[in-house]
Amino acid sequence: MADYPQWVLKHKTKGTYINCVNGKYYLYAAHSERVPGTKKVKRVSDGYIGRITEKDGLIPARDKVAGDIIVLKYGLHMTALALADEILMGLRREFRGAAERMLVMGILLATEKNADGDSFNASALRLAFPGVAYTPNLTGKQRTGVERCTRMVADKLSGAIGDNTRMHAMLERIYMVIINNKQYLSQMPAGVGEWMKIHGIEWRGTI
């Protein structure tokens, strides 16, 4: 091992290594792999952790954003989905493979008054139902089913939220944010978690 200063070495832990470039010290994550067909072991880097300085210690690397930052409507849509188990079961009995798409449309119409492709792509419902090939094209019977589904979803939301316009607004302000393929929820407004417990609501969207 190189003769590094103690203030550098104290940051080296199992599964890491230090690299010195032009008198500056950098910490990396790593693991060992055996070279196929030999007894030799090679070190494989797992990514940059941060820079080490005597004054500031370990300075963590800043996350680099790769690709788009995606923001999806979450709170109200996932609440409607959590309340819609019986609705989905009924749709599956009657419409089989079209049931999930019809429920998605019903939730969007009940919450957004719009169920086009843009509304679907802006909602976390697209992650909750990754197998849905979204299209608004429906048969006459399916359109009637979606209208019925929309009324039922609206009734379920009304039963849970009632005239609590503040709760409705707080749920609308909860978003899912996807950065570097990692999912994050925006800050939960005070009171929403307790309200969910009272009504037995559990969000089942991916997170």
Protein backbone atom coordinates (compact mmCIF):
# COMPACT_ATOMS: atom_id res chain seq x y z
CA MET A 1 0.00 0.00 0.00
CA ALA A 2 1.23 3.49 -0.79
CA ASP A 3 2.51 5.56 2.09
CA TYR A 4 -0.52 7.82 2.44
CA PRO A 5 -0.95 10.35 5.30
CA GLN A 6 -3.00 9.17 8.26
CA TRP A 7 -5.67 11.81 7.60
CA VAL A 8 -6.20 10.11 4.25
CA LEU A 9 -6.02 6.51 5.46
CA LYS A 10 -8.66 7.03 8.15
CA HIS A 11 -11.26 7.28 5.38
CA LYS A 12 -10.25 3.99 3.79
CA THR A 13 -12.67 1.26 4.88
CA LYS A 14 -13.37 -2.25 3.68
CA GLY A 15 -14.46 -2.23 0.07
CA THR A 16 -12.71 1.04 -0.82
CA TYR A 17 -9.38 2.18 -2.21
CA ILE A 18 -7.51 5.45 -2.50
CA ASN A 19 -6.06 6.97 -5.63
CA CYS A 20 -3.59 9.87 -5.56
CA VAL A 21 -3.46 12.13 -8.61
CA ASN A 22 -1.12 15.15 -8.63
CA GLY A 23 -1.01 15.20 -4.85
CA LYS A 24 -4.80 15.04 -4.49
CA TYR A 25 -6.52 12.06 -2.88
CA TYR A 26 -9.67 10.36 -4.15
CA LEU A 27 -11.69 7.55 -2.57
CA TYR A 28 -13.37 4.84 -4.64
CA ALA A 29 -15.59 1.86 -3.88
CA ALA A 30 -14.32 -1.49 -5.14
CA HIS A 31 -14.61 -5.25 -4.94
CA SER A 32 -12.32 -8.13 -5.86
CA GLU A 33 -12.90 -10.68 -8.60
CA ARG A 34 -10.89 -13.78 -9.47
CA VAL A 35 -9.40 -13.77 -12.97
CA PRO A 36 -11.00 -16.72 -14.82
CA GLY A 37 -8.64 -19.63 -15.29
CA THR A 38 -6.07 -18.32 -12.80
CA LYS A 39 -5.57 -17.87 -9.08
CA LYS A 40 -5.08 -14.15 -9.53
CA VAL A 41 -7.50 -11.62 -8.08
CA LYS A 42 -8.16 -8.24 -9.64
CA ARG A 43 -9.69 -5.12 -8.16
CA VAL A 44 -12.84 -3.83 -9.84
CA SER A 45 -13.92 -0.25 -9.23
CA ASP A 46 -17.55 0.29 -8.18
CA GLY A 47 -17.52 4.06 -8.50
CA TYR A 48 -16.16 7.31 -7.16
CA ILE A 49 -17.04 8.15 -3.54
CA GLY A 50 -15.35 11.51 -3.02
CA ARG A 51 -12.22 13.58 -2.55
CA ILE A 52 -10.19 13.60 0.67
CA THR A 53 -8.55 16.78 1.98
CA GLU A 54 -6.74 17.39 5.25
CA LYS A 55 -8.92 20.38 6.05
CA ASP A 56 -12.39 19.07 5.12
CA GLY A 57 -11.93 15.30 5.31
CA LEU A 58 -14.04 13.31 2.87
CA ILE A 59 -15.96 15.52 0.45
CA PRO A 60 -18.69 13.29 -1.07
CA ALA A 61 -19.09 13.30 -4.81
CA ARG A 62 -22.04 15.19 -6.16
CA ASP A 63 -24.62 13.04 -7.87
CA LYS A 64 -24.63 13.57 -11.60
CA VAL A 65 -28.03 13.62 -13.24
CA ALA A 66 -28.14 11.36 -16.28
CA GLY A 67 -31.13 11.73 -18.55
CA ASP A 68 -34.39 13.45 -17.75
CA ILE A 69 -35.81 14.24 -14.33
CA ILE A 70 -39.35 12.81 -14.35
CA VAL A 71 -42.11 14.23 -12.14
CA LEU A 72 -45.35 12.25 -11.82
CA LYS A 73 -48.60 12.99 -10.04
CA TYR A 74 -48.80 10.56 -7.15
CA GLY A 75 -50.76 11.32 -3.96
CA LEU A 76 -54.33 11.67 -5.20
CA HIS A 77 -53.97 9.05 -7.93
CA MET A 78 -52.49 6.44 -5.59
CA THR A 79 -55.17 7.19 -3.01
CA ALA A 80 -57.84 6.55 -5.63
CA LEU A 81 -56.08 3.32 -6.62
CA ALA A 82 -55.89 2.15 -2.99
CA LEU A 83 -59.65 2.62 -2.69
CA ALA A 84 -60.44 0.81 -5.94
CA ASP A 85 -59.74 -2.86 -5.18
CA GLU A 86 -63.38 -3.92 -5.47
CA ILE A 87 -63.87 -1.81 -8.58
CA LEU A 88 -60.93 -3.51 -10.29
CA MET A 89 -62.21 -6.96 -9.34
CA GLY A 90 -65.59 -6.15 -10.89
CA LEU A 91 -63.96 -4.84 -14.06
CA ARG A 92 -61.85 -7.98 -14.37
CA ARG A 93 -64.90 -10.20 -14.10
CA GLU A 94 -66.68 -8.30 -16.87
CA PHE A 95 -63.92 -6.99 -19.13
CA ARG A 96 -60.97 -9.30 -18.43
CA GLY A 97 -57.81 -7.99 -20.13
CA ALA A 98 -59.15 -4.46 -20.58
CA ALA A 99 -59.90 -4.02 -16.86
CA GLU A 100 -56.69 -2.29 -15.76
CA ARG A 101 -56.76 0.18 -18.65
CA MET A 102 -60.39 0.98 -17.86
CA LEU A 103 -59.61 1.53 -14.18
CA VAL A 104 -56.73 3.86 -15.08
CA MET A 105 -59.08 5.87 -17.27
CA GLY A 106 -61.69 5.97 -14.52
CA ILE A 107 -59.16 7.25 -11.98
CA LEU A 108 -57.88 9.92 -14.38
CA LEU A 109 -61.39 11.07 -15.24
CA ALA A 110 -62.38 11.18 -11.57
CA THR A 111 -59.29 13.18 -10.55
CA GLU A 112 -58.21 15.08 -13.67
CA LYS A 113 -61.40 15.22 -15.77
CA ASN A 114 -59.17 14.02 -18.60
CA ALA A 115 -58.01 10.55 -19.58
CA ASP A 116 -55.84 11.13 -22.62
CA GLY A 117 -52.31 9.84 -23.16
CA ASP A 118 -50.68 12.97 -21.73
CA SER A 119 -52.60 12.59 -18.46
CA PHE A 120 -51.54 8.94 -18.24
CA ASN A 121 -47.87 9.72 -18.91
CA ALA A 122 -47.90 12.43 -16.23
CA SER A 123 -49.26 10.03 -13.59
CA ALA A 124 -47.60 7.40 -11.40
CA LEU A 125 -50.42 5.13 -12.59
CA ARG A 126 -48.18 4.35 -15.55
CA LEU A 127 -45.73 2.73 -13.10
CA ALA A 128 -48.42 1.01 -11.07
CA PHE A 129 -49.72 -0.59 -14.29
CA PRO A 130 -46.62 -1.09 -16.48
CA GLY A 131 -48.42 -3.67 -18.58
CA VAL A 132 -51.14 -1.28 -19.69
CA ALA A 133 -50.83 -0.37 -23.36
CA TYR A 134 -52.63 2.93 -22.98
CA THR A 135 -55.07 3.92 -25.68
CA PRO A 136 -58.40 5.72 -25.33
CA ASN A 137 -59.99 3.56 -28.03
CA LEU A 138 -62.86 1.65 -26.44
CA THR A 139 -65.86 -0.36 -27.53
CA GLY A 140 -69.28 1.00 -26.70
CA LYS A 141 -69.62 -1.43 -23.80
CA GLN A 142 -66.19 -0.47 -22.48
CA ARG A 143 -67.03 3.25 -22.64
CA THR A 144 -70.11 2.58 -20.54
CA GLY A 145 -67.94 0.60 -18.14
CA VAL A 146 -65.44 3.45 -17.81
CA GLU A 147 -68.25 5.92 -17.11
CA ARG A 148 -69.52 3.64 -14.35
CA CYS A 149 -65.99 3.13 -13.05
CA THR A 150 -65.39 6.91 -12.97
CA ARG A 151 -68.52 7.45 -10.84
CA MET A 152 -67.48 4.66 -8.47
CA VAL A 153 -63.93 6.03 -8.06
CA ALA A 154 -65.32 9.52 -7.43
CA ASP A 155 -67.71 8.10 -4.82
CA LYS A 156 -64.84 6.26 -3.08
CA LEU A 157 -62.74 9.42 -2.95
CA SER A 158 -65.69 11.45 -1.72
CA GLY A 159 -66.35 8.90 1.00
CA ALA A 160 -62.76 9.12 2.22
CA ILE A 161 -62.07 12.83 1.72
CA GLY A 162 -65.58 14.24 2.01
CA ASP A 163 -65.62 18.03 2.05
CA ASN A 164 -62.04 18.20 3.35
CA THR A 165 -60.76 20.39 0.53
CA ARG A 166 -57.47 20.90 2.38
CA MET A 167 -56.75 17.15 2.37
CA HIS A 168 -57.66 16.94 -1.30
CA ALA A 169 -55.23 19.77 -2.09
CA MET A 170 -52.45 18.19 0.01
CA LEU A 171 -52.81 14.85 -1.78
CA GLU A 172 -52.61 16.65 -5.12
CA ARG A 173 -49.30 18.21 -4.05
CA ILE A 174 -47.56 14.86 -3.49
CA TYR A 175 -45.43 13.87 -6.47
CA MET A 176 -43.07 11.07 -7.40
CA VAL A 177 -39.75 12.30 -8.75
CA ILE A 178 -37.46 9.99 -10.72
CA ILE A 179 -33.79 10.95 -10.92
CA ASN A 180 -31.15 8.59 -12.30
CA ASN A 181 -33.80 5.84 -12.31
CA LYS A 182 -34.32 6.24 -8.56
CA GLN A 183 -37.77 7.08 -7.22
CA TYR A 184 -38.42 9.72 -4.56
CA LEU A 185 -41.62 11.08 -3.04
CA SER A 186 -42.00 14.79 -2.48
CA GLN A 187 -42.46 15.96 1.10
CA MET A 188 -45.51 14.54 2.85
CA PRO A 189 -47.69 17.41 4.13
CA ALA A 190 -48.42 17.28 7.85
CA GLY A 191 -51.52 15.26 8.64
CA VAL A 192 -51.63 13.14 5.49
CA GLY A 193 -49.97 10.10 7.06
CA GLU A 194 -52.36 10.09 10.03
CA TRP A 195 -55.35 10.54 7.72
CA MET A 196 -54.21 7.55 5.67
CA LYS A 197 -53.97 5.39 8.80
CA ILE A 198 -57.47 6.36 9.89
CA HIS A 199 -58.90 5.37 6.51
CA GLY A 200 -56.71 2.28 6.05
CA ILE A 201 -55.15 3.64 2.86
CA GLU A 202 -51.83 2.23 1.66
CA TRP A 203 -50.21 3.52 -1.50
CA ARG A 204 -49.15 0.67 -3.73
CA GLY A 205 -47.38 2.58 -6.46
CA THR A 206 -43.72 1.66 -6.89
CA ILE A 207 -41.34 3.52 -4.60
